[in-house]
PDB file of N, CA and C in Angstrom:
ATOM      1  N   MET A   1      -9.263-105.340  33.916  1.00  0.00           N
ATOM      2  CA  MET A   1      -9.690-103.980  34.109  1.00  0.00           C
ATOM      3  C   MET A   1      -9.737-103.570  35.580  1.00  0.00           C
ATOM      4  N   PRO A   2      -8.882-104.128  36.420  1.00  0.00           N
ATOM      5  CA  PRO A   2      -8.907-103.730  37.824  1.00  0.00           C
ATOM      6  C   PRO A   2      -8.428-102.309  38.063  1.00  0.00           C
ATOM      7  N   THR A   3      -7.795-101.674  37.086  1.00  0.00           N
ATOM      8  CA  THR A   3      -7.311-100.310  37.253  1.00  0.00           C
ATOM      9  C   THR A   3      -8.412 -99.279  37.056  1.00  0.00           C
ATOM     10  N   LEU A   4      -9.453 -99.625  36.326  1.00  0.00           N
ATOM     11  CA  LEU A   4     -10.503 -98.669  36.006  1.00  0.00           C
ATOM     12  C   LEU A   4     -11.164 -98.044  37.236  1.00  0.00           C
ATOM     13  N   PRO A   5     -11.577 -98.810  38.247  1.00  0.00           N
ATOM     14  CA  PRO A   5     -12.185 -98.173  39.426  1.00  0.00           C
ATOM     15  C   PRO A   5     -11.241 -97.184  40.115  1.00  0.00           C
ATOM     16  N   LEU A   6      -9.955 -97.523  40.157  1.00  0.00           N
ATOM     17  CA  LEU A   6      -8.974 -96.607  40.755  1.00  0.00           C
ATOM     18  C   LEU A   6      -8.867 -95.329  39.921  1.00  0.00           C
ATOM     19  N   ALA A   7      -8.802 -95.463  38.621  1.00  0.00           N
ATOM     20  CA  ALA A   7      -8.700 -94.295  37.741  1.00  0.00           C
ATOM     21  C   ALA A   7      -9.922 -93.390  37.889  1.00  0.00           C
ATOM     22  N   LEU A   8     -11.077 -93.990  37.973  1.00  0.00           N
ATOM     23  CA  LEU A   8     -12.302 -93.203  38.152  1.00  0.00           C
ATOM     24  C   LEU A   8     -12.297 -92.465  39.484  1.00  0.00           C
ATOM     25  N   LYS A   9     -11.820 -93.123  40.519  1.00  0.00           N
ATOM     26  CA  LYS A   9     -11.771 -92.491  41.842  1.00  0.00           C
ATOM     27  C   LYS A   9     -10.771 -91.338  41.858  1.00  0.00           C
ATOM     28  N   ILE A  10      -9.641 -91.519  41.185  1.00  0.00           N
ATOM     29  CA  ILE A  10      -8.664 -90.432  41.082  1.00  0.00           C
ATOM     30  C   ILE A  10      -9.304 -89.227  40.404  1.00  0.00           C
ATOM     31  N   ALA A  11     -10.009 -89.476  39.315  1.00  0.00           N
ATOM     32  CA  ALA A  11     -10.690 -88.392  38.599  1.00  0.00           C
ATOM     33  C   ALA A  11     -11.716 -87.712  39.498  1.00  0.00           C
ATOM     34  N   ASP A  12     -12.455 -88.494  40.280  1.00  0.00           N
ATOM     35  CA  ASP A  12     -13.449 -87.928  41.194  1.00  0.00           C
ATOM     36  C   ASP A  12     -12.798 -87.047  42.260  1.00  0.00           C
ATOM     37  N   VAL A  13     -11.705 -87.533  42.827  1.00  0.00           N
ATOM     38  CA  VAL A  13     -11.016 -86.785  43.891  1.00  0.00           C
ATOM     39  C   VAL A  13     -10.486 -85.455  43.354  1.00  0.00           C
ATOM     40  N   VAL A  14      -9.871 -85.501  42.188  1.00  0.00           N
ATOM     41  CA  VAL A  14      -9.315 -84.285  41.598  1.00  0.00           C
ATOM     42  C   VAL A  14     -10.436 -83.309  41.239  1.00  0.00           C
ATOM     43  N   SER A  15     -11.500 -83.820  40.660  1.00  0.00           N
ATOM     44  CA  SER A  15     -12.635 -82.983  40.291  1.00  0.00           C
ATOM     45  C   SER A  15     -13.256 -82.333  41.532  1.00  0.00           C
ATOM     46  N   ASP A  16     -13.398 -83.112  42.594  1.00  0.00           N
ATOM     47  CA  ASP A  16     -13.968 -82.585  43.832  1.00  0.00           C
ATOM     48  C   ASP A  16     -13.083 -81.491  44.424  1.00  0.00           C
ATOM     49  N   ALA A  17     -11.782 -81.699  44.419  1.00  0.00           N
ATOM     50  CA  ALA A  17     -10.865 -80.683  44.950  1.00  0.00           C
ATOM     51  C   ALA A  17     -10.950 -79.404  44.129  1.00  0.00           C
ATOM     52  N   GLN A  18     -11.082 -79.554  42.823  1.00  0.00           N
ATOM     53  CA  GLN A  18     -11.186 -78.385  41.962  1.00  0.00           C
ATOM     54  C   GLN A  18     -12.503 -77.646  42.208  1.00  0.00           C
ATOM     55  N   ARG A  19     -13.581 -78.406  42.301  1.00  0.00           N
ATOM     56  CA  ARG A  19     -14.892 -77.800  42.509  1.00  0.00           C
ATOM     57  C   ARG A  19     -14.955 -77.065  43.843  1.00  0.00           C
ATOM     58  N   ARG A  20     -14.380 -77.645  44.869  1.00  0.00           N
ATOM     59  CA  ARG A  20     -14.406 -77.031  46.198  1.00  0.00           C
ATOM     60  C   ARG A  20     -13.282 -76.026  46.419  1.00  0.00           C
ATOM     61  N   ARG A  21     -12.371 -75.956  45.446  1.00  0.00           N
ATOM     62  CA  ARG A  21     -11.211 -75.068  45.537  1.00  0.00           C
ATOM     63  C   ARG A  21     -10.423 -75.323  46.811  1.00  0.00           C
ATOM     64  N   ARG A  22     -10.160 -76.600  47.024  1.00  0.00           N
ATOM     65  CA  ARG A  22      -9.427 -77.022  48.220  1.00  0.00           C
ATOM     66  C   ARG A  22      -8.089 -77.625  47.842  1.00  0.00           C
ATOM     67  N   ARG A  23      -7.148 -77.455  48.732  1.00  0.00           N
ATOM     68  CA  ARG A  23      -5.826 -78.053  48.571  1.00  0.00           C
ATOM     69  C   ARG A  23      -5.961 -79.571  48.760  1.00  0.00           C
ATOM     70  N   LEU A  24      -5.255 -80.312  47.959  1.00  0.00           N
ATOM     71  CA  LEU A  24      -5.323 -81.767  48.017  1.00  0.00           C
ATOM     72  C   LEU A  24      -4.053 -82.312  48.660  1.00  0.00           C
ATOM     73  N   ASP A  25      -4.194 -83.113  49.694  1.00  0.00           N
ATOM     74  CA  ASP A  25      -3.062 -83.753  50.356  1.00  0.00           C
ATOM     75  C   ASP A  25      -2.754 -85.043  49.597  1.00  0.00           C
ATOM     76  N   ILE A  26      -1.775 -84.973  48.719  1.00  0.00           N
ATOM     77  CA  ILE A  26      -1.448 -86.084  47.828  1.00  0.00           C
ATOM     78  C   ILE A  26      -1.122 -87.352  48.607  1.00  0.00           C
ATOM     79  N   ALA A  27      -0.273 -87.251  49.609  1.00  0.00           N
ATOM     80  CA  ALA A  27       0.148 -88.436  50.362  1.00  0.00           C
ATOM     81  C   ALA A  27      -1.029 -89.117  51.048  1.00  0.00           C
ATOM     82  N   ALA A  28      -1.872 -88.338  51.688  1.00  0.00           N
ATOM     83  CA  ALA A  28      -3.013 -88.913  52.405  1.00  0.00           C
ATOM     84  C   ALA A  28      -4.016 -89.548  51.444  1.00  0.00           C
ATOM     85  N   VAL A  29      -4.309 -88.847  50.352  1.00  0.00           N
ATOM     86  CA  VAL A  29      -5.281 -89.375  49.387  1.00  0.00           C
ATOM     87  C   VAL A  29      -4.733 -90.615  48.702  1.00  0.00           C
ATOM     88  N   ALA A  30      -3.456 -90.603  48.350  1.00  0.00           N
ATOM     89  CA  ALA A  30      -2.851 -91.775  47.707  1.00  0.00           C
ATOM     90  C   ALA A  30      -2.922 -92.997  48.619  1.00  0.00           C
ATOM     91  N   SER A  31      -2.673 -92.794  49.881  1.00  0.00           N
ATOM     92  CA  SER A  31      -2.734 -93.899  50.842  1.00  0.00           C
ATOM     93  C   SER A  31      -4.156 -94.461  50.952  1.00  0.00           C
ATOM     94  N   LEU A  32      -5.132 -93.567  51.017  1.00  0.00           N
ATOM     95  CA  LEU A  32      -6.529 -94.005  51.076  1.00  0.00           C
ATOM     96  C   LEU A  32      -6.928 -94.771  49.811  1.00  0.00           C
ATOM     97  N   LEU A  33      -6.503 -94.271  48.664  1.00  0.00           N
ATOM     98  CA  LEU A  33      -6.841 -94.937  47.405  1.00  0.00           C
ATOM     99  C   LEU A  33      -6.161 -96.299  47.289  1.00  0.00           C
ATOM    100  N   LEU A  34      -4.930 -96.391  47.764  1.00  0.00           N
ATOM    101  CA  LEU A  34      -4.231 -97.684  47.741  1.00  0.00           C
ATOM    102  C   LEU A  34      -4.963 -98.702  48.606  1.00  0.00           C
ATOM    103  N   ASP A  35      -5.387 -98.275  49.780  1.00  0.00           N
ATOM    104  CA  ASP A  35      -6.128 -99.168  50.678  1.00  0.00           C
ATOM    105  C   ASP A  35      -7.476 -99.578  50.087  1.00  0.00           C
ATOM    106  N   ALA A  36      -8.118 -98.665  49.370  1.00  0.00           N
ATOM    107  CA  ALA A  36      -9.442 -98.927  48.814  1.00  0.00           C
ATOM    108  C   ALA A  36      -9.392 -99.751  47.517  1.00  0.00           C
ATOM    109  N   HIS A  37      -8.247 -99.725  46.834  1.00  0.00           N
ATOM    110  CA  HIS A  37      -8.157-100.392  45.530  1.00  0.00           C
ATOM    111  C   HIS A  37      -6.899-101.244  45.393  1.00  0.00           C
ATOM    112  N   PRO A  38      -6.699-102.210  46.287  1.00  0.00           N
ATOM    113  CA  PRO A  38      -5.501-103.051  46.182  1.00  0.00           C
ATOM    114  C   PRO A  38      -5.506-103.928  44.926  1.00  0.00           C
ATOM    115  N   GLU A  39      -6.695-104.199  44.400  1.00  0.00           N
ATOM    116  CA  GLU A  39      -6.812-105.050  43.214  1.00  0.00           C
ATOM    117  C   GLU A  39      -6.182-104.422  41.979  1.00  0.00           C
ATOM    118  N   ALA A  40      -5.971-103.108  42.009  1.00  0.00           N
ATOM    119  CA  ALA A  40      -5.394-102.415  40.857  1.00  0.00           C
ATOM    120  C   ALA A  40      -3.912-102.760  40.676  1.00  0.00           C
ATOM    121  N   GLY A  41      -3.257-103.155  41.758  1.00  0.00           N
ATOM    122  CA  GLY A  41      -1.866-103.579  41.665  1.00  0.00           C
ATOM    123  C   GLY A  41      -0.864-102.454  41.488  1.00  0.00           C
ATOM    124  N   HIS A  42      -1.215-101.244  41.906  1.00  0.00           N
ATOM    125  CA  HIS A  42      -0.303-100.108  41.785  1.00  0.00           C
ATOM    126  C   HIS A  42       0.300 -99.784  43.140  1.00  0.00           C
ATOM    127  N   SER A  43       1.498 -99.236  43.113  1.00  0.00           N
ATOM    128  CA  SER A  43       2.176 -98.861  44.352  1.00  0.00           C
ATOM    129  C   SER A  43       1.675 -97.495  44.833  1.00  0.00           C
ATOM    130  N   LEU A  44       1.994 -97.194  46.061  1.00  0.00           N
ATOM    131  CA  LEU A  44       1.649 -95.898  46.635  1.00  0.00           C
ATOM    132  C   LEU A  44       2.286 -94.774  45.817  1.00  0.00           C
ATOM    133  N   THR A  45       3.504 -94.968  45.410  1.00  0.00           N
ATOM    134  CA  THR A  45       4.203 -93.960  44.615  1.00  0.00           C
ATOM    135  C   THR A  45       3.544 -93.758  43.264  1.00  0.00           C
ATOM    136  N   GLU A  46       3.133 -94.822  42.616  1.00  0.00           N
ATOM    137  CA  GLU A  46       2.466 -94.699  41.317  1.00  0.00           C
ATOM    138  C   GLU A  46       1.152 -93.924  41.440  1.00  0.00           C
ATOM    139  N   ILE A  47       0.395 -94.240  42.476  1.00  0.00           N
ATOM    140  CA  ILE A  47      -0.875 -93.544  42.688  1.00  0.00           C
ATOM    141  C   ILE A  47      -0.619 -92.066  42.993  1.00  0.00           C
ATOM    142  N   ALA A  48       0.351 -91.790  43.847  1.00  0.00           N
ATOM    143  CA  ALA A  48       0.676 -90.405  44.188  1.00  0.00           C
ATOM    144  C   ALA A  48       1.154 -89.639  42.960  1.00  0.00           C
ATOM    145  N   ASP A  49       1.973 -90.268  42.140  1.00  0.00           N
ATOM    146  CA  ASP A  49       2.451 -89.607  40.918  1.00  0.00           C
ATOM    147  C   ASP A  49       1.297 -89.274  39.983  1.00  0.00           C
ATOM    148  N   THR A  50       0.368 -90.198  39.846  1.00  0.00           N
ATOM    149  CA  THR A  50      -0.796 -89.961  38.990  1.00  0.00           C
ATOM    150  C   THR A  50      -1.640 -88.822  39.550  1.00  0.00           C
ATOM    151  N   LEU A  51      -1.874 -88.838  40.837  1.00  0.00           N
ATOM    152  CA  LEU A  51      -2.613 -87.743  41.470  1.00  0.00           C
ATOM    153  C   LEU A  51      -1.915 -86.409  41.229  1.00  0.00           C
ATOM    154  N   ARG A  52      -0.604 -86.398  41.432  1.00  0.00           N
ATOM    155  CA  ARG A  52       0.176 -85.179  41.257  1.00  0.00           C
ATOM    156  C   ARG A  52       0.057 -84.653  39.826  1.00  0.00           C
ATOM    157  N   GLU A  53       0.130 -85.541  38.846  1.00  0.00           N
ATOM    158  CA  GLU A  53      -0.001 -85.147  37.439  1.00  0.00           C
ATOM    159  C   GLU A  53      -1.382 -84.578  37.148  1.00  0.00           C
ATOM    160  N   GLU A  54      -2.411 -85.230  37.664  1.00  0.00           N
ATOM    161  CA  GLU A  54      -3.782 -84.767  37.429  1.00  0.00           C
ATOM    162  C   GLU A  54      -4.043 -83.427  38.109  1.00  0.00           C
ATOM    163  N   VAL A  55      -3.548 -83.291  39.306  1.00  0.00           N
ATOM    164  CA  VAL A  55      -3.708 -82.037  40.052  1.00  0.00           C
ATOM    165  C   VAL A  55      -3.007 -80.901  39.312  1.00  0.00           C
ATOM    166  N   ALA A  56      -1.808 -81.158  38.845  1.00  0.00           N
ATOM    167  CA  ALA A  56      -1.050 -80.128  38.123  1.00  0.00           C
ATOM    168  C   ALA A  56      -1.765 -79.734  36.832  1.00  0.00           C
ATOM    169  N   SER A  57      -2.332 -80.700  36.145  1.00  0.00           N
ATOM    170  CA  SER A  57      -3.006 -80.397  34.881  1.00  0.00           C
ATOM    171  C   SER A  57      -4.276 -79.571  35.091  1.00  0.00           C
ATOM    172  N   GLN A  58      -4.836 -79.631  36.287  1.00  0.00           N
ATOM    173  CA  GLN A  58      -6.053 -78.887  36.600  1.00  0.00           C
ATOM    174  C   GLN A  58      -5.770 -77.591  37.355  1.00  0.00           C
ATOM    175  N   GLY A  59      -4.508 -77.366  37.707  1.00  0.00           N
ATOM    176  CA  GLY A  59      -4.146 -76.135  38.412  1.00  0.00           C
ATOM    177  C   GLY A  59      -4.596 -76.108  39.855  1.00  0.00           C
ATOM    178  N   ILE A  60      -4.679 -77.258  40.485  1.00  0.00           N
ATOM    179  CA  ILE A  60      -5.109 -77.363  41.877  1.00  0.00           C
ATOM    180  C   ILE A  60      -3.878 -77.350  42.775  1.00  0.00           C
ATOM    181  N   LEU A  61      -3.987 -76.700  43.916  1.00  0.00           N
ATOM    182  CA  LEU A  61      -2.886 -76.706  44.878  1.00  0.00           C
ATOM    183  C   LEU A  61      -2.819 -78.062  45.552  1.00  0.00           C
ATOM    184  N   ALA A  62      -1.592 -78.520  45.773  1.00  0.00           N
ATOM    185  CA  ALA A  62      -1.390 -79.818  46.426  1.00  0.00           C
ATOM    186  C   ALA A  62      -0.359 -79.677  47.508  1.00  0.00           C
ATOM    187  N   GLN A  63      -0.404 -80.618  48.416  1.00  0.00           N
ATOM    188  CA  GLN A  63       0.594 -80.671  49.483  1.00  0.00           C
ATOM    189  C   GLN A  63       0.906 -82.118  49.772  1.00  0.00           C
ATOM    190  N   GLY A  64       2.007 -82.339  50.434  1.00  0.00           N
ATOM    191  CA  GLY A  64       2.374 -83.692  50.850  1.00  0.00           C
ATOM    192  C   GLY A  64       3.244 -84.386  49.833  1.00  0.00           C
ATOM    193  N   ALA A  65       4.079 -85.234  50.358  1.00  0.00           N
ATOM    194  CA  ALA A  65       4.972 -86.025  49.509  1.00  0.00           C
ATOM    195  C   ALA A  65       4.906 -87.465  49.962  1.00  0.00           C
ATOM    196  N   VAL A  66       5.122 -88.345  49.046  1.00  0.00           N
ATOM    197  CA  VAL A  66       5.160 -89.763  49.376  1.00  0.00           C
ATOM    198  C   VAL A  66       6.615 -90.167  49.401  1.00  0.00           C
ATOM    199  N   ALA A  67       7.082 -90.576  50.560  1.00  0.00           N
ATOM    200  CA  ALA A  67       8.489 -90.854  50.741  1.00  0.00           C
ATOM    201  C   ALA A  67       8.893 -92.241  50.259  1.00  0.00           C
ATOM    202  N   MET A  68       7.988 -93.181  50.350  1.00  0.00           N
ATOM    203  CA  MET A  68       8.356 -94.534  49.976  1.00  0.00           C
ATOM    204  C   MET A  68       7.184 -95.279  49.390  1.00  0.00           C
ATOM    205  N   SER A  69       7.490 -96.296  48.655  1.00  0.00           N
ATOM    206  CA  SER A  69       6.481 -97.096  48.002  1.00  0.00           C
ATOM    207  C   SER A  69       6.017 -98.209  48.936  1.00  0.00           C
ATOM    208  N   ARG A  70       4.766 -98.596  48.797  1.00  0.00           N
ATOM    209  CA  ARG A  70       4.245 -99.723  49.573  1.00  0.00           C
ATOM    210  C   ARG A  70       4.332-100.979  48.752  1.00  0.00           C
TER     211      ARG A  70
END
């Protein structure tokens, strides 16, 4: 279950961005989450894609792109 803490943090970040009505920098947040949760075993691209999907489903504005996987 090493993915669960990462999933919860993604949900928190998206919820916070929605509540504050702030644009979310996908690349920066994905990098921070990867550094904070290496035990999850996901790549930077996977985390960014998940963030992007969650942001889109909530109608939150996003910026930034992840050019390469770590």
